[in-house]
PDB file of N, CA and C in Angstrom:
ATOM      1  N   MET A   1       3.286  67.815  10.125  1.00  0.00           N
ATOM      2  CA  MET A   1       2.588  68.316   8.970  1.00  0.00           C
ATOM      3  C   MET A   1       3.249  69.616   8.527  1.00  0.00           C
ATOM      4  N   VAL A   2       3.384  69.796   7.245  1.00  0.00           N
ATOM      5  CA  VAL A   2       4.047  70.966   6.684  1.00  0.00           C
ATOM      6  C   VAL A   2       3.031  72.097   6.544  1.00  0.00           C
ATOM      7  N   GLU A   3       3.411  73.280   7.026  1.00  0.00           N
ATOM      8  CA  GLU A   3       2.541  74.437   6.893  1.00  0.00           C
ATOM      9  C   GLU A   3       2.622  74.974   5.469  1.00  0.00           C
ATOM     10  N   PRO A   4       1.510  75.445   4.918  1.00  0.00           N
ATOM     11  CA  PRO A   4       1.579  76.015   3.570  1.00  0.00           C
ATOM     12  C   PRO A   4       2.394  77.307   3.578  1.00  0.00           C
ATOM     13  N   LYS A   5       3.088  77.537   2.477  1.00  0.00           N
ATOM     14  CA  LYS A   5       3.927  78.732   2.363  1.00  0.00           C
ATOM     15  C   LYS A   5       3.061  79.966   2.155  1.00  0.00           C
ATOM     16  N   SER A   6       3.533  81.072   2.691  1.00  0.00           N
ATOM     17  CA  SER A   6       2.816  82.322   2.476  1.00  0.00           C
ATOM     18  C   SER A   6       3.058  82.802   1.043  1.00  0.00           C
ATOM     19  N   LYS A   7       2.273  83.754   0.620  1.00  0.00           N
ATOM     20  CA  LYS A   7       2.413  84.296  -0.737  1.00  0.00           C
ATOM     21  C   LYS A   7       3.785  84.934  -0.920  1.00  0.00           C
ATOM     22  N   ILE A   8       4.248  85.676   0.091  1.00  0.00           N
ATOM     23  CA  ILE A   8       5.557  86.332   0.018  1.00  0.00           C
ATOM     24  C   ILE A   8       6.670  85.284  -0.062  1.00  0.00           C
ATOM     25  N   GLU A   9       6.564  84.236   0.727  1.00  0.00           N
ATOM     26  CA  GLU A   9       7.587  83.186   0.723  1.00  0.00           C
ATOM     27  C   GLU A   9       7.632  82.465  -0.616  1.00  0.00           C
ATOM     28  N   SER A  10       6.480  82.194  -1.218  1.00  0.00           N
ATOM     29  CA  SER A  10       6.474  81.514  -2.516  1.00  0.00           C
ATOM     30  C   SER A  10       7.030  82.428  -3.611  1.00  0.00           C
ATOM     31  N   ILE A  11       6.760  83.737  -3.531  1.00  0.00           N
ATOM     32  CA  ILE A  11       7.319  84.681  -4.507  1.00  0.00           C
ATOM     33  C   ILE A  11       8.829  84.755  -4.338  1.00  0.00           C
ATOM     34  N   ARG A  12       9.307  84.829  -3.077  1.00  0.00           N
ATOM     35  CA  ARG A  12      10.749  84.891  -2.821  1.00  0.00           C
ATOM     36  C   ARG A  12      11.446  83.643  -3.355  1.00  0.00           C
ATOM     37  N   GLU A  13      10.829  82.484  -3.157  1.00  0.00           N
ATOM     38  CA  GLU A  13      11.422  81.242  -3.647  1.00  0.00           C
ATOM     39  C   GLU A  13      11.488  81.228  -5.176  1.00  0.00           C
ATOM     40  N   TRP A  14      10.432  81.747  -5.836  1.00  0.00           N
ATOM     41  CA  TRP A  14      10.442  81.799  -7.299  1.00  0.00           C
ATOM     42  C   TRP A  14      11.542  82.730  -7.793  1.00  0.00           C
ATOM     43  N   VAL A  15      11.707  83.885  -7.126  1.00  0.00           N
ATOM     44  CA  VAL A  15      12.744  84.842  -7.523  1.00  0.00           C
ATOM     45  C   VAL A  15      14.125  84.234  -7.345  1.00  0.00           C
ATOM     46  N   VAL A  16      14.327  83.487  -6.255  1.00  0.00           N
ATOM     47  CA  VAL A  16      15.623  82.839  -6.030  1.00  0.00           C
ATOM     48  C   VAL A  16      15.906  81.827  -7.138  1.00  0.00           C
ATOM     49  N   ASP A  17      14.892  81.096  -7.556  1.00  0.00           N
ATOM     50  CA  ASP A  17      15.085  80.080  -8.595  1.00  0.00           C
ATOM     51  C   ASP A  17      15.191  80.670 -10.001  1.00  0.00           C
ATOM     52  N   HIS A  18      14.661  81.864 -10.227  1.00  0.00           N
ATOM     53  CA  HIS A  18      14.627  82.465 -11.565  1.00  0.00           C
ATOM     54  C   HIS A  18      15.162  83.902 -11.536  1.00  0.00           C
ATOM     55  N   LYS A  19      16.382  84.072 -11.087  1.00  0.00           N
ATOM     56  CA  LYS A  19      16.954  85.415 -10.922  1.00  0.00           C
ATOM     57  C   LYS A  19      17.066  86.160 -12.252  1.00  0.00           C
ATOM     58  N   LEU A  20      17.616  85.517 -13.257  1.00  0.00           N
ATOM     59  CA  LEU A  20      17.826  86.207 -14.533  1.00  0.00           C
ATOM     60  C   LEU A  20      16.504  86.528 -15.227  1.00  0.00           C
ATOM     61  N   ARG A  21      15.551  85.642 -15.119  1.00  0.00           N
ATOM     62  CA  ARG A  21      14.240  85.906 -15.705  1.00  0.00           C
ATOM     63  C   ARG A  21      13.587  87.103 -15.011  1.00  0.00           C
ATOM     64  N   THR A  22      13.755  87.188 -13.695  1.00  0.00           N
ATOM     65  CA  THR A  22      13.203  88.315 -12.947  1.00  0.00           C
ATOM     66  C   THR A  22      13.839  89.629 -13.379  1.00  0.00           C
ATOM     67  N   VAL A  23      15.163  89.636 -13.499  1.00  0.00           N
ATOM     68  CA  VAL A  23      15.866  90.849 -13.925  1.00  0.00           C
ATOM     69  C   VAL A  23      15.464  91.226 -15.350  1.00  0.00           C
ATOM     70  N   GLY A  24      15.343  90.248 -16.224  1.00  0.00           N
ATOM     71  CA  GLY A  24      14.924  90.518 -17.600  1.00  0.00           C
ATOM     72  C   GLY A  24      13.520  91.095 -17.682  1.00  0.00           C
ATOM     73  N   CYS A  25      12.605  90.561 -16.882  1.00  0.00           N
ATOM     74  CA  CYS A  25      11.238  91.095 -16.865  1.00  0.00           C
ATOM     75  C   CYS A  25      11.208  92.511 -16.304  1.00  0.00           C
ATOM     76  N   LEU A  26      12.012  92.773 -15.286  1.00  0.00           N
ATOM     77  CA  LEU A  26      12.084  94.139 -14.755  1.00  0.00           C
ATOM     78  C   LEU A  26      12.655  95.105 -15.789  1.00  0.00           C
ATOM     79  N   TRP A  27      13.672  94.656 -16.540  1.00  0.00           N
ATOM     80  CA  TRP A  27      14.245  95.509 -17.581  1.00  0.00           C
ATOM     81  C   TRP A  27      13.197  95.807 -18.653  1.00  0.00           C
ATOM     82  N   LEU A  28      12.491  94.775 -19.090  1.00  0.00           N
ATOM     83  CA  LEU A  28      11.494  94.950 -20.143  1.00  0.00           C
ATOM     84  C   LEU A  28      10.367  95.878 -19.689  1.00  0.00           C
ATOM     85  N   SER A  29       9.887  95.672 -18.470  1.00  0.00           N
ATOM     86  CA  SER A  29       8.830  96.559 -17.984  1.00  0.00           C
ATOM     87  C   SER A  29       9.358  97.974 -17.753  1.00  0.00           C
ATOM     88  N   GLY A  30      10.622  98.099 -17.350  1.00  0.00           N
ATOM     89  CA  GLY A  30      11.217  99.424 -17.159  1.00  0.00           C
ATOM     90  C   GLY A  30      11.353 100.187 -18.456  1.00  0.00           C
ATOM     91  N   ILE A  31      11.810  99.511 -19.501  1.00  0.00           N
ATOM     92  CA  ILE A  31      11.978 100.207 -20.776  1.00  0.00           C
ATOM     93  C   ILE A  31      10.615 100.543 -21.383  1.00  0.00           C
ATOM     94  N   ALA A  32       9.643  99.643 -21.228  1.00  0.00           N
ATOM     95  CA  ALA A  32       8.304  99.921 -21.762  1.00  0.00           C
ATOM     96  C   ALA A  32       7.664 101.096 -21.020  1.00  0.00           C
ATOM     97  N   GLY A  33       7.769 101.104 -19.709  1.00  0.00           N
ATOM     98  CA  GLY A  33       7.203 102.200 -18.937  1.00  0.00           C
ATOM     99  C   GLY A  33       7.896 103.522 -19.213  1.00  0.00           C
ATOM    100  N   SER A  34       9.205 103.477 -19.360  1.00  0.00           N
ATOM    101  CA  SER A  34       9.951 104.695 -19.625  1.00  0.00           C
ATOM    102  C   SER A  34       9.656 105.240 -21.017  1.00  0.00           C
ATOM    103  N   ILE A  35       9.519 104.367 -22.002  1.00  0.00           N
ATOM    104  CA  ILE A  35       9.151 104.818 -23.351  1.00  0.00           C
ATOM    105  C   ILE A  35       7.752 105.431 -23.327  1.00  0.00           C
ATOM    106  N   ALA A  36       6.839 104.793 -22.607  1.00  0.00           N
ATOM    107  CA  ALA A  36       5.481 105.337 -22.520  1.00  0.00           C
ATOM    108  C   ALA A  36       5.490 106.704 -21.849  1.00  0.00           C
ATOM    109  N   TYR A  37       6.271 106.853 -20.794  1.00  0.00           N
ATOM    110  CA  TYR A  37       6.341 108.143 -20.118  1.00  0.00           C
ATOM    111  C   TYR A  37       6.992 109.196 -21.012  1.00  0.00           C
ATOM    112  N   ASN A  38       8.116 108.848 -21.638  1.00  0.00           N
ATOM    113  CA  ASN A  38       8.839 109.806 -22.469  1.00  0.00           C
ATOM    114  C   ASN A  38       8.037 110.216 -23.700  1.00  0.00           C
ATOM    115  N   TRP A  39       7.201 109.325 -24.214  1.00  0.00           N
ATOM    116  CA  TRP A  39       6.396 109.677 -25.383  1.00  0.00           C
ATOM    117  C   TRP A  39       5.311 110.684 -25.020  1.00  0.00           C
ATOM    118  N   SER A  40       4.999 110.796 -23.739  1.00  0.00           N
ATOM    119  CA  SER A  40       3.996 111.789 -23.335  1.00  0.00           C
ATOM    120  C   SER A  40       4.616 113.173 -23.153  1.00  0.00           C
ATOM    121  N   GLN A  41       5.924 113.283 -23.222  1.00  0.00           N
ATOM    122  CA  GLN A  41       6.614 114.573 -23.107  1.00  0.00           C
ATOM    123  C   GLN A  41       6.746 115.175 -24.506  1.00  0.00           C
ATOM    124  N   PRO A  42       6.074 116.280 -24.766  1.00  0.00           N
ATOM    125  CA  PRO A  42       6.022 116.795 -26.132  1.00  0.00           C
ATOM    126  C   PRO A  42       7.272 117.535 -26.599  1.00  0.00           C
ATOM    127  N   GLY A  43       8.125 118.007 -25.723  1.00  0.00           N
ATOM    128  CA  GLY A  43       9.213 118.872 -26.144  1.00  0.00           C
ATOM    129  C   GLY A  43      10.523 118.174 -26.485  1.00  0.00           C
ATOM    130  N   MET A  44      10.545 116.854 -26.588  1.00  0.00           N
ATOM    131  CA  MET A  44      11.806 116.146 -26.835  1.00  0.00           C
ATOM    132  C   MET A  44      11.803 115.494 -28.207  1.00  0.00           C
ATOM    133  N   LYS A  45      13.019 115.383 -28.768  1.00  0.00           N
ATOM    134  CA  LYS A  45      13.168 114.660 -30.027  1.00  0.00           C
ATOM    135  C   LYS A  45      13.043 113.159 -29.750  1.00  0.00           C
ATOM    136  N   THR A  46      12.740 112.392 -30.796  1.00  0.00           N
ATOM    137  CA  THR A  46      12.566 110.946 -30.655  1.00  0.00           C
ATOM    138  C   THR A  46      13.842 110.273 -30.166  1.00  0.00           C
ATOM    139  N   SER A  47      14.990 110.696 -30.678  1.00  0.00           N
ATOM    140  CA  SER A  47      16.242 110.075 -30.263  1.00  0.00           C
ATOM    141  C   SER A  47      16.515 110.314 -28.772  1.00  0.00           C
ATOM    142  N   VAL A  48      16.179 111.481 -28.270  1.00  0.00           N
ATOM    143  CA  VAL A  48      16.365 111.783 -26.849  1.00  0.00           C
ATOM    144  C   VAL A  48      15.420 110.947 -25.999  1.00  0.00           C
ATOM    145  N   LYS A  49      14.195 110.748 -26.477  1.00  0.00           N
ATOM    146  CA  LYS A  49      13.233 109.911 -25.754  1.00  0.00           C
ATOM    147  C   LYS A  49      13.746 108.477 -25.619  1.00  0.00           C
ATOM    148  N   ILE A  50      14.301 107.954 -26.699  1.00  0.00           N
ATOM    149  CA  ILE A  50      14.824 106.579 -26.675  1.00  0.00           C
ATOM    150  C   ILE A  50      16.032 106.476 -25.756  1.00  0.00           C
ATOM    151  N   ILE A  51      16.913 107.457 -25.793  1.00  0.00           N
ATOM    152  CA  ILE A  51      18.095 107.444 -24.930  1.00  0.00           C
ATOM    153  C   ILE A  51      17.680 107.527 -23.459  1.00  0.00           C
ATOM    154  N   HIS A  52      16.724 108.375 -23.146  1.00  0.00           N
ATOM    155  CA  HIS A  52      16.247 108.476 -21.764  1.00  0.00           C
ATOM    156  C   HIS A  52      15.613 107.170 -21.306  1.00  0.00           C
ATOM    157  N   ALA A  53      14.838 106.542 -22.181  1.00  0.00           N
ATOM    158  CA  ALA A  53      14.215 105.268 -21.833  1.00  0.00           C
ATOM    159  C   ALA A  53      15.270 104.205 -21.550  1.00  0.00           C
ATOM    160  N   ARG A  54      16.325 104.183 -22.358  1.00  0.00           N
ATOM    161  CA  ARG A  54      17.397 103.207 -22.138  1.00  0.00           C
ATOM    162  C   ARG A  54      18.111 103.465 -20.820  1.00  0.00           C
ATOM    163  N   LEU A  55      18.359 104.736 -20.516  1.00  0.00           N
ATOM    164  CA  LEU A  55      19.038 105.065 -19.259  1.00  0.00           C
ATOM    165  C   LEU A  55      18.191 104.696 -18.053  1.00  0.00           C
ATOM    166  N   HIS A  56      16.899 104.968 -18.113  1.00  0.00           N
ATOM    167  CA  HIS A  56      16.017 104.596 -17.005  1.00  0.00           C
ATOM    168  C   HIS A  56      15.977 103.082 -16.827  1.00  0.00           C
ATOM    169  N   ALA A  57      15.872 102.354 -17.935  1.00  0.00           N
ATOM    170  CA  ALA A  57      15.837 100.891 -17.853  1.00  0.00           C
ATOM    171  C   ALA A  57      17.164 100.341 -17.345  1.00  0.00           C
ATOM    172  N   GLN A  58      18.269 100.975 -17.721  1.00  0.00           N
ATOM    173  CA  GLN A  58      19.576 100.531 -17.247  1.00  0.00           C
ATOM    174  C   GLN A  58      19.698 100.728 -15.737  1.00  0.00           C
ATOM    175  N   ALA A  59      19.218 101.857 -15.229  1.00  0.00           N
ATOM    176  CA  ALA A  59      19.257 102.095 -13.785  1.00  0.00           C
ATOM    177  C   ALA A  59      18.378 101.090 -13.047  1.00  0.00           C
ATOM    178  N   LEU A  60      17.213 100.789 -13.597  1.00  0.00           N
ATOM    179  CA  LEU A  60      16.336  99.800 -12.986  1.00  0.00           C
ATOM    180  C   LEU A  60      16.979  98.410 -12.999  1.00  0.00           C
ATOM    181  N   THR A  61      17.663  98.078 -14.084  1.00  0.00           N
ATOM    182  CA  THR A  61      18.332  96.785 -14.175  1.00  0.00           C
ATOM    183  C   THR A  61      19.457  96.668 -13.157  1.00  0.00           C
ATOM    184  N   LEU A  62      20.232  97.729 -12.982  1.00  0.00           N
ATOM    185  CA  LEU A  62      21.283  97.698 -11.967  1.00  0.00           C
ATOM    186  C   LEU A  62      20.698  97.523 -10.573  1.00  0.00           C
ATOM    187  N   ALA A  63      19.589  98.185 -10.302  1.00  0.00           N
ATOM    188  CA  ALA A  63      18.929  98.017  -9.003  1.00  0.00           C
ATOM    189  C   ALA A  63      18.411  96.586  -8.840  1.00  0.00           C
ATOM    190  N   ALA A  64      17.869  96.004  -9.917  1.00  0.00           N
ATOM    191  CA  ALA A  64      17.377  94.628  -9.847  1.00  0.00           C
ATOM    192  C   ALA A  64      18.522  93.641  -9.642  1.00  0.00           C
ATOM    193  N   LEU A  65      19.654  93.874 -10.304  1.00  0.00           N
ATOM    194  CA  LEU A  65      20.814  93.008 -10.100  1.00  0.00           C
ATOM    195  C   LEU A  65      21.341  93.113  -8.675  1.00  0.00           C
ATOM    196  N   ALA A  66      21.350  94.322  -8.124  1.00  0.00           N
ATOM    197  CA  ALA A  66      21.768  94.493  -6.731  1.00  0.00           C
ATOM    198  C   ALA A  66      20.785  93.779  -5.798  1.00  0.00           C
ATOM    199  N   GLY A  67      19.509  93.851  -6.104  1.00  0.00           N
ATOM    200  CA  GLY A  67      18.514  93.126  -5.310  1.00  0.00           C
ATOM    201  C   GLY A  67      18.684  91.622  -5.412  1.00  0.00           C
ATOM    202  N   ALA A  68      18.967  91.122  -6.605  1.00  0.00           N
ATOM    203  CA  ALA A  68      19.198  89.684  -6.779  1.00  0.00           C
ATOM    204  C   ALA A  68      20.444  89.240  -6.019  1.00  0.00           C
ATOM    205  N   ALA A  69      21.477  90.084  -6.020  1.00  0.00           N
ATOM    206  CA  ALA A  69      22.685  89.761  -5.253  1.00  0.00           C
ATOM    207  C   ALA A  69      22.389  89.740  -3.761  1.00  0.00           C
ATOM    208  N   ALA A  70      21.571  90.667  -3.289  1.00  0.00           N
ATOM    209  CA  ALA A  70      21.206  90.691  -1.873  1.00  0.00           C
ATOM    210  C   ALA A  70      20.396  89.451  -1.501  1.00  0.00           C
ATOM    211  N   VAL A  71      19.474  89.046  -2.369  1.00  0.00           N
ATOM    212  CA  VAL A  71      18.686  87.835  -2.113  1.00  0.00           C
ATOM    213  C   VAL A  71      19.598  86.617  -2.076  1.00  0.00           C
ATOM    214  N   GLU A  72      20.540  86.546  -3.015  1.00  0.00           N
ATOM    215  CA  GLU A  72      21.475  85.414  -3.044  1.00  0.00           C
ATOM    216  C   GLU A  72      22.343  85.391  -1.795  1.00  0.00           C
ATOM    217  N   TYR A  73      22.820  86.551  -1.365  1.00  0.00           N
ATOM    218  CA  TYR A  73      23.644  86.637  -0.165  1.00  0.00           C
ATOM    219  C   TYR A  73      22.845  86.207   1.067  1.00  0.00           C
ATOM    220  N   TYR A  74      21.628  86.726   1.190  1.00  0.00           N
ATOM    221  CA  TYR A  74      20.777  86.370   2.313  1.00  0.00           C
ATOM    222  C   TYR A  74      20.470  84.884   2.304  1.00  0.00           C
ATOM    223  N   ASP A  75      20.160  84.344   1.131  1.00  0.00           N
ATOM    224  CA  ASP A  75      19.843  82.926   1.007  1.00  0.00           C
ATOM    225  C   ASP A  75      21.052  82.068   1.347  1.00  0.00           C
ATOM    226  N   HIS A  76      22.225  82.502   0.919  1.00  0.00           N
ATOM    227  CA  HIS A  76      23.447  81.740   1.175  1.00  0.00           C
ATOM    228  C   HIS A  76      23.780  81.721   2.668  1.00  0.00           C
ATOM    229  N   ARG A  77      23.567  82.833   3.345  1.00  0.00           N
ATOM    230  CA  ARG A  77      23.879  82.912   4.774  1.00  0.00           C
ATOM    231  C   ARG A  77      22.895  82.132   5.629  1.00  0.00           C
ATOM    232  N   ASN A  78      21.632  82.062   5.220  1.00  0.00           N
ATOM    233  CA  ASN A  78      20.596  81.451   6.052  1.00  0.00           C
ATOM    234  C   ASN A  78      20.202  80.051   5.616  1.00  0.00           C
ATOM    235  N   ARG A  79      20.790  79.554   4.553  1.00  0.00           N
ATOM    236  CA  ARG A  79      20.466  78.223   4.063  1.00  0.00           C
ATOM    237  C   ARG A  79      21.195  77.179   4.897  1.00  0.00           C
ATOM    238  N   ALA A  80      20.594  76.029   5.006  1.00  0.00           N
ATOM    239  CA  ALA A  80      21.269  74.922   5.672  1.00  0.00           C
ATOM    240  C   ALA A  80      22.510  74.565   4.867  1.00  0.00           C
ATOM    241  N   LYS A  81      23.458  73.935   5.500  1.00  0.00           N
ATOM    242  CA  LYS A  81      24.739  73.638   4.854  1.00  0.00           C
ATOM    243  C   LYS A  81      24.672  72.437   3.914  1.00  0.00           C
ATOM    244  N   ALA A  82      23.500  72.028   3.519  1.00  0.00           N
ATOM    245  CA  ALA A  82      23.357  70.912   2.589  1.00  0.00           C
ATOM    246  C   ALA A  82      23.878  71.323   1.211  1.00  0.00           C
ATOM    247  N   ASP A  83      24.228  70.336   0.415  1.00  0.00           N
ATOM    248  CA  ASP A  83      24.737  70.581  -0.926  1.00  0.00           C
ATOM    249  C   ASP A  83      23.605  71.107  -1.815  1.00  0.00           C
ATOM    250  N   PRO A  84      23.718  72.321  -2.346  1.00  0.00           N
ATOM    251  CA  PRO A  84      22.622  72.865  -3.153  1.00  0.00           C
ATOM    252  C   PRO A  84      22.472  72.179  -4.507  1.00  0.00           C
ATOM    253  N   TYR A  85      23.466  71.416  -4.935  1.00  0.00           N
ATOM    254  CA  TYR A  85      23.416  70.768  -6.243  1.00  0.00           C
ATOM    255  C   TYR A  85      23.073  69.292  -6.138  1.00  0.00           C
ATOM    256  N   ALA A  86      22.727  68.841  -4.946  1.00  0.00           N
ATOM    257  CA  ALA A  86      22.442  67.422  -4.752  1.00  0.00           C
ATOM    258  C   ALA A  86      21.249  66.962  -5.581  1.00  0.00           C
ATOM    259  N   LYS A  87      20.275  67.821  -5.785  1.00  0.00           N
ATOM    260  CA  LYS A  87      19.097  67.408  -6.550  1.00  0.00           C
ATOM    261  C   LYS A  87      19.402  67.241  -8.034  1.00  0.00           C
ATOM    262  N   PHE A  88      20.548  67.757  -8.503  1.00  0.00           N
ATOM    263  CA  PHE A  88      20.901  67.637  -9.911  1.00  0.00           C
ATOM    264  C   PHE A  88      21.839  66.466 -10.197  1.00  0.00           C
ATOM    265  N   LEU A  89      22.449  65.914  -9.162  1.00  0.00           N
ATOM    266  CA  LEU A  89      23.402  64.824  -9.336  1.00  0.00           C
ATOM    267  C   LEU A  89      22.787  63.512  -8.896  1.00  0.00           C
ATOM    268  N   PRO A  90      23.058  62.440  -9.635  1.00  0.00           N
ATOM    269  CA  PRO A  90      22.547  61.136  -9.197  1.00  0.00           C
ATOM    270  C   PRO A  90      23.254  60.697  -7.920  1.00  0.00           C
ATOM    271  N   ALA A  91      22.526  60.013  -7.075  1.00  0.00           N
ATOM    272  CA  ALA A  91      23.057  59.618  -5.770  1.00  0.00           C
ATOM    273  C   ALA A  91      24.177  58.593  -5.886  1.00  0.00           C
ATOM    274  N   ASP A  92      24.046  57.628  -6.769  1.00  0.00           N
ATOM    275  CA  ASP A  92      25.053  56.565  -6.862  1.00  0.00           C
ATOM    276  C   ASP A  92      25.671  56.458  -8.256  1.00  0.00           C
ATOM    277  N   GLY A  93      25.573  57.484  -9.030  1.00  0.00           N
ATOM    278  CA  GLY A  93      26.051  57.431 -10.407  1.00  0.00           C
ATOM    279  C   GLY A  93      27.547  57.582 -10.561  1.00  0.00           C
ATOM    280  N   TYR A  94      28.264  58.028  -9.526  1.00  0.00           N
ATOM    281  CA  TYR A  94      29.685  58.287  -9.637  1.00  0.00           C
ATOM    282  C   TYR A  94      30.462  57.489  -8.593  1.00  0.00           C
ATOM    283  N   SER A  95      30.395  56.215  -8.720  1.00  0.00           N
ATOM    284  CA  SER A  95      31.119  55.353  -7.789  1.00  0.00           C
ATOM    285  C   SER A  95      32.599  55.326  -8.174  1.00  0.00           C
ATOM    286  N   HIS A  96      33.475  55.447  -7.199  1.00  0.00           N
ATOM    287  CA  HIS A  96      34.922  55.440  -7.457  1.00  0.00           C
ATOM    288  C   HIS A  96      35.506  54.034  -7.389  1.00  0.00           C
ATOM    289  N   LYS A  97      34.718  53.094  -7.000  1.00  0.00           N
ATOM    290  CA  LYS A  97      35.204  51.712  -6.911  1.00  0.00           C
ATOM    291  C   LYS A  97      34.942  51.003  -8.220  1.00  0.00           C
ATOM    292  N   ASP A  98      35.863  50.134  -8.592  1.00  0.00           N
ATOM    293  CA  ASP A  98      35.704  49.349  -9.827  1.00  0.00           C
ATOM    294  C   ASP A  98      35.241  47.947  -9.550  1.00  0.00           C
TER     295      ASP A  98
END
């Protein structure tokens, strides 16, 4: 009988399957949070606030990409040696015999 996956394991599996979506969501939340924070600072011009928000979001995106690379590396090292693309290819669709 298969044990149910833990919440952390199911989240990790989703992140592995949707790396770019995860990085994009982190970027979007980073820029939104940074704009919200910078708008609460009264002594800066609007252009400086936007530039700071972009820089903060860029740093967060680089950290997220490094995290995605670490997850991919860990997954690659600990995964069974089965073909990861087998589920996308038909089993008997490419016969070499005529």
